[in-house]
Amino acid sequence: MGTGQALDAAGLFGAYLALSGISRFLVEYLRINEPALLGLTQPQLWALVSLIAGVVLIALTQYPRRPRQVEARAPGADETARLSV
């Protein structure tokens, strides 16, 4: 992201989720609601879920899975071939 890479659609949606989660959490901090869990209100908990989902989505789109290297040996062959799975 910082090196000039553009986000794809999933990464952009993840950024939206993260930023809206942060802003929603801050807005709900100012509102008066009954605490639900760990001193946080229910809207604050949903904002945290949105933030975490957004960060995970950004991470998955920015760091795609790399194919693992598997050594394949043909029966009776001495040479080893590397395959991407």
PDB file of N, CA and C in Angstrom:
ATOM      1  N   MET A   1       0.817  -1.168   0.000  1.00  0.00           N
ATOM      2  CA  MET A   1       0.000   0.000   0.000  1.00  0.00           C
ATOM      3  C   MET A   1       0.875   1.251   0.000  1.00  0.00           C
ATOM      4  N   GLY A   2       1.912   1.282   0.779  1.00  0.00           N
ATOM      5  CA  GLY A   2       2.744   2.454   0.864  1.00  0.00           C
ATOM      6  C   GLY A   2       3.708   2.591  -0.308  1.00  0.00           C
ATOM      7  N   THR A   3       3.859   1.535  -1.114  1.00  0.00           N
ATOM      8  CA  THR A   3       4.794   1.577  -2.225  1.00  0.00           C
ATOM      9  C   THR A   3       4.113   1.910  -3.543  1.00  0.00           C
ATOM     10  N   GLY A   4       2.942   2.516  -3.492  1.00  0.00           N
ATOM     11  CA  GLY A   4       2.260   2.918  -4.706  1.00  0.00           C
ATOM     12  C   GLY A   4       1.371   1.840  -5.290  1.00  0.00           C
ATOM     13  N   GLN A   5       1.184   0.745  -4.579  1.00  0.00           N
ATOM     14  CA  GLN A   5       0.317  -0.316  -5.073  1.00  0.00           C
ATOM     15  C   GLN A   5      -1.130   0.083  -4.877  1.00  0.00           C
ATOM     16  N   ALA A   6      -1.944  -0.169  -5.874  1.00  0.00           N
ATOM     17  CA  ALA A   6      -3.376   0.101  -5.768  1.00  0.00           C
ATOM     18  C   ALA A   6      -4.061  -1.102  -5.132  1.00  0.00           C
ATOM     19  N   LEU A   7      -5.089  -0.839  -4.364  1.00  0.00           N
ATOM     20  CA  LEU A   7      -5.855  -1.925  -3.759  1.00  0.00           C
ATOM     21  C   LEU A   7      -6.854  -2.469  -4.776  1.00  0.00           C
ATOM     22  N   ASP A   8      -7.047  -3.769  -4.770  1.00  0.00           N
ATOM     23  CA  ASP A   8      -8.098  -4.321  -5.608  1.00  0.00           C
ATOM     24  C   ASP A   8      -9.437  -4.131  -4.902  1.00  0.00           C
ATOM     25  N   ALA A   9     -10.503  -4.640  -5.472  1.00  0.00           N
ATOM     26  CA  ALA A   9     -11.836  -4.407  -4.922  1.00  0.00           C
ATOM     27  C   ALA A   9     -11.967  -4.930  -3.492  1.00  0.00           C
ATOM     28  N   ALA A  10     -11.430  -6.118  -3.217  1.00  0.00           N
ATOM     29  CA  ALA A  10     -11.527  -6.684  -1.873  1.00  0.00           C
ATOM     30  C   ALA A  10     -10.700  -5.867  -0.877  1.00  0.00           C
ATOM     31  N   GLY A  11      -9.531  -5.399  -1.286  1.00  0.00           N
ATOM     32  CA  GLY A  11      -8.702  -4.578  -0.418  1.00  0.00           C
ATOM     33  C   GLY A  11      -9.349  -3.237  -0.134  1.00  0.00           C
ATOM     34  N   LEU A  12     -10.000  -2.671  -1.148  1.00  0.00           N
ATOM     35  CA  LEU A  12     -10.685  -1.404  -0.967  1.00  0.00           C
ATOM     36  C   LEU A  12     -11.859  -1.556   0.001  1.00  0.00           C
ATOM     37  N   PHE A  13     -12.591  -2.652  -0.131  1.00  0.00           N
ATOM     38  CA  PHE A  13     -13.690  -2.923   0.799  1.00  0.00           C
ATOM     39  C   PHE A  13     -13.151  -3.133   2.209  1.00  0.00           C
ATOM     40  N   GLY A  14     -12.005  -3.796   2.333  1.00  0.00           N
ATOM     41  CA  GLY A  14     -11.375  -3.985   3.631  1.00  0.00           C
ATOM     42  C   GLY A  14     -10.978  -2.658   4.260  1.00  0.00           C
ATOM     43  N   ALA A  15     -10.463  -1.736   3.438  1.00  0.00           N
ATOM     44  CA  ALA A  15     -10.108  -0.407   3.942  1.00  0.00           C
ATOM     45  C   ALA A  15     -11.356   0.332   4.419  1.00  0.00           C
ATOM     46  N   TYR A  16     -12.446   0.196   3.669  1.00  0.00           N
ATOM     47  CA  TYR A  16     -13.707   0.817   4.083  1.00  0.00           C
ATOM     48  C   TYR A  16     -14.163   0.252   5.428  1.00  0.00           C
ATOM     49  N   LEU A  17     -14.116  -1.071   5.568  1.00  0.00           N
ATOM     50  CA  LEU A  17     -14.538  -1.695   6.828  1.00  0.00           C
ATOM     51  C   LEU A  17     -13.683  -1.217   7.996  1.00  0.00           C
ATOM     52  N   ALA A  18     -12.377  -1.159   7.786  1.00  0.00           N
ATOM     53  CA  ALA A  18     -11.469  -0.745   8.861  1.00  0.00           C
ATOM     54  C   ALA A  18     -11.712   0.708   9.259  1.00  0.00           C
ATOM     55  N   LEU A  19     -11.804   1.590   8.276  1.00  0.00           N
ATOM     56  CA  LEU A  19     -11.986   3.007   8.585  1.00  0.00           C
ATOM     57  C   LEU A  19     -13.362   3.296   9.166  1.00  0.00           C
ATOM     58  N   SER A  20     -14.387   2.637   8.651  1.00  0.00           N
ATOM     59  CA  SER A  20     -15.727   2.854   9.213  1.00  0.00           C
ATOM     60  C   SER A  20     -15.818   2.264  10.619  1.00  0.00           C
ATOM     61  N   GLY A  21     -15.105   1.161  10.875  1.00  0.00           N
ATOM     62  CA  GLY A  21     -15.082   0.586  12.215  1.00  0.00           C
ATOM     63  C   GLY A  21     -14.433   1.521  13.224  1.00  0.00           C
ATOM     64  N   ILE A  22     -13.343   2.153  12.812  1.00  0.00           N
ATOM     65  CA  ILE A  22     -12.665   3.108  13.703  1.00  0.00           C
ATOM     66  C   ILE A  22     -13.569   4.301  13.990  1.00  0.00           C
ATOM     67  N   SER A  23     -14.143   4.866  12.934  1.00  0.00           N
ATOM     68  CA  SER A  23     -14.989   6.050  13.140  1.00  0.00           C
ATOM     69  C   SER A  23     -16.235   5.704  13.943  1.00  0.00           C
ATOM     70  N   ARG A  24     -16.819   4.534  13.687  1.00  0.00           N
ATOM     71  CA  ARG A  24     -18.015   4.131  14.418  1.00  0.00           C
ATOM     72  C   ARG A  24     -17.693   3.914  15.895  1.00  0.00           C
ATOM     73  N   PHE A  25     -16.531   3.334  16.176  1.00  0.00           N
ATOM     74  CA  PHE A  25     -16.128   3.104  17.558  1.00  0.00           C
ATOM     75  C   PHE A  25     -15.993   4.434  18.291  1.00  0.00           C
ATOM     76  N   LEU A  26     -15.370   5.413  17.633  1.00  0.00           N
ATOM     77  CA  LEU A  26     -15.189   6.718  18.271  1.00  0.00           C
ATOM     78  C   LEU A  26     -16.515   7.444  18.484  1.00  0.00           C
ATOM     79  N   VAL A  27     -17.425   7.348  17.527  1.00  0.00           N
ATOM     80  CA  VAL A  27     -18.741   7.975  17.680  1.00  0.00           C
ATOM     81  C   VAL A  27     -19.504   7.314  18.821  1.00  0.00           C
ATOM     82  N   GLU A  28     -19.441   6.007  18.894  1.00  0.00           N
ATOM     83  CA  GLU A  28     -20.172   5.290  19.940  1.00  0.00           C
ATOM     84  C   GLU A  28     -19.550   5.533  21.316  1.00  0.00           C
ATOM     85  N   TYR A  29     -18.302   5.924  21.351  1.00  0.00           N
ATOM     86  CA  TYR A  29     -17.667   6.259  22.619  1.00  0.00           C
ATOM     87  C   TYR A  29     -18.327   7.499  23.222  1.00  0.00           C
ATOM     88  N   LEU A  30     -18.760   8.410  22.379  1.00  0.00           N
ATOM     89  CA  LEU A  30     -19.389   9.643  22.849  1.00  0.00           C
ATOM     90  C   LEU A  30     -20.860   9.451  23.223  1.00  0.00           C
ATOM     91  N   ARG A  31     -21.499   8.445  22.654  1.00  0.00           N
ATOM     92  CA  ARG A  31     -22.917   8.204  22.941  1.00  0.00           C
ATOM     93  C   ARG A  31     -23.071   7.468  24.269  1.00  0.00           C
ATOM     94  N   ILE A  32     -24.239   7.593  24.858  1.00  0.00           N
ATOM     95  CA  ILE A  32     -24.509   6.927  26.134  1.00  0.00           C
ATOM     96  C   ILE A  32     -25.372   5.694  25.869  1.00  0.00           C
ATOM     97  N   ASN A  33     -24.769   4.526  26.012  1.00  0.00           N
ATOM     98  CA  ASN A  33     -25.454   3.247  25.864  1.00  0.00           C
ATOM     99  C   ASN A  33     -25.060   2.346  27.028  1.00  0.00           C
ATOM    100  N   GLU A  34     -25.837   1.318  27.232  1.00  0.00           N
ATOM    101  CA  GLU A  34     -25.537   0.352  28.291  1.00  0.00           C
ATOM    102  C   GLU A  34     -24.351  -0.522  27.879  1.00  0.00           C
ATOM    103  N   PRO A  35     -23.367  -0.708  28.764  1.00  0.00           N
ATOM    104  CA  PRO A  35     -22.256  -1.620  28.449  1.00  0.00           C
ATOM    105  C   PRO A  35     -22.764  -3.047  28.269  1.00  0.00           C
ATOM    106  N   ALA A  36     -22.196  -3.744  27.305  1.00  0.00           N
ATOM    107  CA  ALA A  36     -22.627  -5.106  27.015  1.00  0.00           C
ATOM    108  C   ALA A  36     -21.569  -6.136  27.421  1.00  0.00           C
ATOM    109  N   LEU A  37     -20.315  -5.867  27.074  1.00  0.00           N
ATOM    110  CA  LEU A  37     -19.257  -6.840  27.324  1.00  0.00           C
ATOM    111  C   LEU A  37     -17.939  -6.089  27.493  1.00  0.00           C
ATOM    112  N   LEU A  38     -17.223  -6.378  28.565  1.00  0.00           N
ATOM    113  CA  LEU A  38     -15.925  -5.764  28.852  1.00  0.00           C
ATOM    114  C   LEU A  38     -15.995  -4.234  28.892  1.00  0.00           C
ATOM    115  N   GLY A  39     -17.111  -3.704  29.310  1.00  0.00           N
ATOM    116  CA  GLY A  39     -17.278  -2.268  29.408  1.00  0.00           C
ATOM    117  C   GLY A  39     -17.562  -1.577  28.084  1.00  0.00           C
ATOM    118  N   LEU A  40     -17.708  -2.351  27.027  1.00  0.00           N
ATOM    119  CA  LEU A  40     -18.003  -1.800  25.703  1.00  0.00           C
ATOM    120  C   LEU A  40     -19.480  -1.983  25.388  1.00  0.00           C
ATOM    121  N   THR A  41     -20.022  -1.048  24.625  1.00  0.00           N
ATOM    122  CA  THR A  41     -21.423  -1.163  24.221  1.00  0.00           C
ATOM    123  C   THR A  41     -21.526  -2.091  23.012  1.00  0.00           C
ATOM    124  N   GLN A  42     -22.735  -2.513  22.710  1.00  0.00           N
ATOM    125  CA  GLN A  42     -22.926  -3.403  21.570  1.00  0.00           C
ATOM    126  C   GLN A  42     -22.484  -2.758  20.249  1.00  0.00           C
ATOM    127  N   PRO A  43     -22.813  -1.490  19.968  1.00  0.00           N
ATOM    128  CA  PRO A  43     -22.304  -0.887  18.730  1.00  0.00           C
ATOM    129  C   PRO A  43     -20.773  -0.806  18.689  1.00  0.00           C
ATOM    130  N   GLN A  44     -20.130  -0.614  19.836  1.00  0.00           N
ATOM    131  CA  GLN A  44     -18.668  -0.597  19.857  1.00  0.00           C
ATOM    132  C   GLN A  44     -18.106  -1.980  19.533  1.00  0.00           C
ATOM    133  N   LEU A  45     -18.755  -3.018  20.016  1.00  0.00           N
ATOM    134  CA  LEU A  45     -18.311  -4.372  19.705  1.00  0.00           C
ATOM    135  C   LEU A  45     -18.449  -4.662  18.212  1.00  0.00           C
ATOM    136  N   TRP A  46     -19.562  -4.220  17.608  1.00  0.00           N
ATOM    137  CA  TRP A  46     -19.748  -4.408  16.168  1.00  0.00           C
ATOM    138  C   TRP A  46     -18.721  -3.590  15.386  1.00  0.00           C
ATOM    139  N   ALA A  47     -18.365  -2.422  15.888  1.00  0.00           N
ATOM    140  CA  ALA A  47     -17.342  -1.608  15.236  1.00  0.00           C
ATOM    141  C   ALA A  47     -15.989  -2.319  15.282  1.00  0.00           C
ATOM    142  N   LEU A  48     -15.683  -2.979  16.397  1.00  0.00           N
ATOM    143  CA  LEU A  48     -14.435  -3.740  16.496  1.00  0.00           C
ATOM    144  C   LEU A  48     -14.425  -4.928  15.528  1.00  0.00           C
ATOM    145  N   VAL A  49     -15.586  -5.579  15.388  1.00  0.00           N
ATOM    146  CA  VAL A  49     -15.693  -6.685  14.426  1.00  0.00           C
ATOM    147  C   VAL A  49     -15.430  -6.169  13.015  1.00  0.00           C
ATOM    148  N   SER A  50     -15.996  -5.013  12.685  1.00  0.00           N
ATOM    149  CA  SER A  50     -15.784  -4.410  11.368  1.00  0.00           C
ATOM    150  C   SER A  50     -14.311  -4.062  11.160  1.00  0.00           C
ATOM    151  N   LEU A  51     -13.692  -3.499  12.164  1.00  0.00           N
ATOM    152  CA  LEU A  51     -12.280  -3.133  12.079  1.00  0.00           C
ATOM    153  C   LEU A  51     -11.407  -4.366  11.856  1.00  0.00           C
ATOM    154  N   ILE A  52     -11.632  -5.408  12.628  1.00  0.00           N
ATOM    155  CA  ILE A  52     -10.834  -6.630  12.510  1.00  0.00           C
ATOM    156  C   ILE A  52     -11.052  -7.289  11.147  1.00  0.00           C
ATOM    157  N   ALA A  53     -12.301  -7.350  10.694  1.00  0.00           N
ATOM    158  CA  ALA A  53     -12.586  -7.937   9.379  1.00  0.00           C
ATOM    159  C   ALA A  53     -11.899  -7.145   8.274  1.00  0.00           C
ATOM    160  N   GLY A  54     -11.907  -5.828   8.385  1.00  0.00           N
ATOM    161  CA  GLY A  54     -11.247  -4.999   7.382  1.00  0.00           C
ATOM    162  C   GLY A  54      -9.748  -5.214   7.343  1.00  0.00           C
ATOM    163  N   VAL A  55      -9.126  -5.282   8.500  1.00  0.00           N
ATOM    164  CA  VAL A  55      -7.675  -5.497   8.563  1.00  0.00           C
ATOM    165  C   VAL A  55      -7.314  -6.874   7.996  1.00  0.00           C
ATOM    166  N   VAL A  56      -8.100  -7.883   8.320  1.00  0.00           N
ATOM    167  CA  VAL A  56      -7.845  -9.225   7.786  1.00  0.00           C
ATOM    168  C   VAL A  56      -7.999  -9.233   6.270  1.00  0.00           C
ATOM    169  N   LEU A  57      -9.024  -8.577   5.766  1.00  0.00           N
ATOM    170  CA  LEU A  57      -9.252  -8.521   4.323  1.00  0.00           C
ATOM    171  C   LEU A  57      -8.117  -7.796   3.603  1.00  0.00           C
ATOM    172  N   ILE A  58      -7.646  -6.715   4.181  1.00  0.00           N
ATOM    173  CA  ILE A  58      -6.505  -6.000   3.586  1.00  0.00           C
ATOM    174  C   ILE A  58      -5.269  -6.890   3.595  1.00  0.00           C
ATOM    175  N   ALA A  59      -5.020  -7.561   4.709  1.00  0.00           N
ATOM    176  CA  ALA A  59      -3.846  -8.428   4.807  1.00  0.00           C
ATOM    177  C   ALA A  59      -3.906  -9.567   3.795  1.00  0.00           C
ATOM    178  N   LEU A  60      -5.083 -10.146   3.606  1.00  0.00           N
ATOM    179  CA  LEU A  60      -5.211 -11.252   2.655  1.00  0.00           C
ATOM    180  C   LEU A  60      -5.019 -10.798   1.217  1.00  0.00           C
ATOM    181  N   THR A  61      -5.412  -9.576   0.903  1.00  0.00           N
ATOM    182  CA  THR A  61      -5.242  -9.095  -0.470  1.00  0.00           C
ATOM    183  C   THR A  61      -3.843  -8.549  -0.726  1.00  0.00           C
ATOM    184  N   GLN A  62      -3.172  -8.045   0.288  1.00  0.00           N
ATOM    185  CA  GLN A  62      -1.838  -7.496   0.107  1.00  0.00           C
ATOM    186  C   GLN A  62      -0.748  -8.554   0.172  1.00  0.00           C
ATOM    187  N   TYR A  63      -0.989  -9.616   0.889  1.00  0.00           N
ATOM    188  CA  TYR A  63      -0.004 -10.683   1.025  1.00  0.00           C
ATOM    189  C   TYR A  63      -0.632 -11.994   0.584  1.00  0.00           C
ATOM    190  N   PRO A  64      -0.775 -12.182  -0.734  1.00  0.00           N
ATOM    191  CA  PRO A  64      -1.414 -13.409  -1.219  1.00  0.00           C
ATOM    192  C   PRO A  64      -0.570 -14.635  -0.897  1.00  0.00           C
ATOM    193  N   ARG A  65      -1.227 -15.770  -0.882  1.00  0.00           N
ATOM    194  CA  ARG A  65      -0.514 -17.010  -0.581  1.00  0.00           C
ATOM    195  C   ARG A  65       0.485 -17.317  -1.689  1.00  0.00           C
ATOM    196  N   ARG A  66       1.643 -17.727  -1.279  1.00  0.00           N
ATOM    197  CA  ARG A  66       2.653 -18.125  -2.249  1.00  0.00           C
ATOM    198  C   ARG A  66       2.568 -19.632  -2.441  1.00  0.00           C
ATOM    199  N   PRO A  67       2.788 -20.108  -3.664  1.00  0.00           N
ATOM    200  CA  PRO A  67       2.759 -21.564  -3.867  1.00  0.00           C
ATOM    201  C   PRO A  67       3.908 -22.234  -3.136  1.00  0.00           C
ATOM    202  N   ARG A  68       3.630 -23.368  -2.528  1.00  0.00           N
ATOM    203  CA  ARG A  68       4.694 -24.067  -1.822  1.00  0.00           C
ATOM    204  C   ARG A  68       5.504 -24.894  -2.811  1.00  0.00           C
ATOM    205  N   GLN A  69       6.755 -25.088  -2.491  1.00  0.00           N
ATOM    206  CA  GLN A  69       7.644 -25.883  -3.321  1.00  0.00           C
ATOM    207  C   GLN A  69       7.588 -27.328  -2.832  1.00  0.00           C
ATOM    208  N   VAL A  70       7.317 -28.230  -3.760  1.00  0.00           N
ATOM    209  CA  VAL A  70       7.217 -29.647  -3.426  1.00  0.00           C
ATOM    210  C   VAL A  70       8.215 -30.396  -4.293  1.00  0.00           C
ATOM    211  N   GLU A  71       8.955 -31.277  -3.666  1.00  0.00           N
ATOM    212  CA  GLU A  71       9.892 -32.089  -4.433  1.00  0.00           C
ATOM    213  C   GLU A  71       9.179 -33.337  -4.907  1.00  0.00           C
ATOM    214  N   ALA A  72       9.243 -33.556  -6.223  1.00  0.00           N
ATOM    215  CA  ALA A  72       8.616 -34.740  -6.804  1.00  0.00           C
ATOM    216  C   ALA A  72       9.712 -35.614  -7.399  1.00  0.00           C
ATOM    217  N   ARG A  73       9.683 -36.869  -7.024  1.00  0.00           N
ATOM    218  CA  ARG A  73      10.685 -37.805  -7.542  1.00  0.00           C
ATOM    219  C   ARG A  73       9.971 -38.879  -8.343  1.00  0.00           C
ATOM    220  N   ALA A  74      10.457 -39.070  -9.540  1.00  0.00           N
ATOM    221  CA  ALA A  74       9.916 -40.141 -10.367  1.00  0.00           C
ATOM    222  C   ALA A  74      10.548 -41.447  -9.898  1.00  0.00           C
ATOM    223  N   PRO A  75       9.777 -42.514  -9.913  1.00  0.00           N
ATOM    224  CA  PRO A  75      10.346 -43.802  -9.481  1.00  0.00           C
ATOM    225  C   PRO A  75      11.541 -44.186 -10.351  1.00  0.00           C
ATOM    226  N   GLY A  76      12.651 -44.461  -9.725  1.00  0.00           N
ATOM    227  CA  GLY A  76      13.849 -44.889 -10.433  1.00  0.00           C
ATOM    228  C   GLY A  76      14.689 -43.749 -10.984  1.00  0.00           C
ATOM    229  N   ALA A  77      14.277 -42.496 -10.785  1.00  0.00           N
ATOM    230  CA  ALA A  77      15.048 -41.367 -11.304  1.00  0.00           C
ATOM    231  C   ALA A  77      15.886 -40.769 -10.188  1.00  0.00           C
ATOM    232  N   ASP A  78      17.083 -40.319 -10.542  1.00  0.00           N
ATOM    233  CA  ASP A  78      17.958 -39.707  -9.558  1.00  0.00           C
ATOM    234  C   ASP A  78      17.746 -38.211  -9.451  1.00  0.00           C
ATOM    235  N   GLU A  79      17.183 -37.579 -10.482  1.00  0.00           N
ATOM    236  CA  GLU A  79      16.985 -36.141 -10.475  1.00  0.00           C
ATOM    237  C   GLU A  79      15.702 -35.782  -9.741  1.00  0.00           C
ATOM    238  N   THR A  80      15.727 -34.658  -9.076  1.00  0.00           N
ATOM    239  CA  THR A  80      14.580 -34.178  -8.343  1.00  0.00           C
ATOM    240  C   THR A  80      13.993 -32.985  -9.072  1.00  0.00           C
ATOM    241  N   ALA A  81      12.712 -33.013  -9.305  1.00  0.00           N
ATOM    242  CA  ALA A  81      12.042 -31.888  -9.967  1.00  0.00           C
ATOM    243  C   ALA A  81      11.277 -31.109  -8.926  1.00  0.00           C
ATOM    244  N   ARG A  82      11.266 -29.770  -9.058  1.00  0.00           N
ATOM    245  CA  ARG A  82      10.520 -28.920  -8.143  1.00  0.00           C
ATOM    246  C   ARG A  82       9.231 -28.497  -8.814  1.00  0.00           C
ATOM    247  N   LEU A  83       8.134 -28.706  -8.117  1.00  0.00           N
ATOM    248  CA  LEU A  83       6.820 -28.342  -8.632  1.00  0.00           C
ATOM    249  C   LEU A  83       6.187 -27.310  -7.724  1.00  0.00           C
ATOM    250  N   SER A  84       5.444 -26.405  -8.301  1.00  0.00           N
ATOM    251  CA  SER A  84       4.672 -25.440  -7.500  1.00  0.00           C
ATOM    252  C   SER A  84       3.261 -25.979  -7.365  1.00  0.00           C
ATOM    253  N   VAL A  85       2.793 -26.011  -6.133  1.00  0.00           N
ATOM    254  CA  VAL A  85       1.448 -26.517  -5.857  1.00  0.00           C
ATOM    255  C   VAL A  85       0.559 -25.371  -5.439  1.00  0.00           C
TER     256      VAL A  85
END
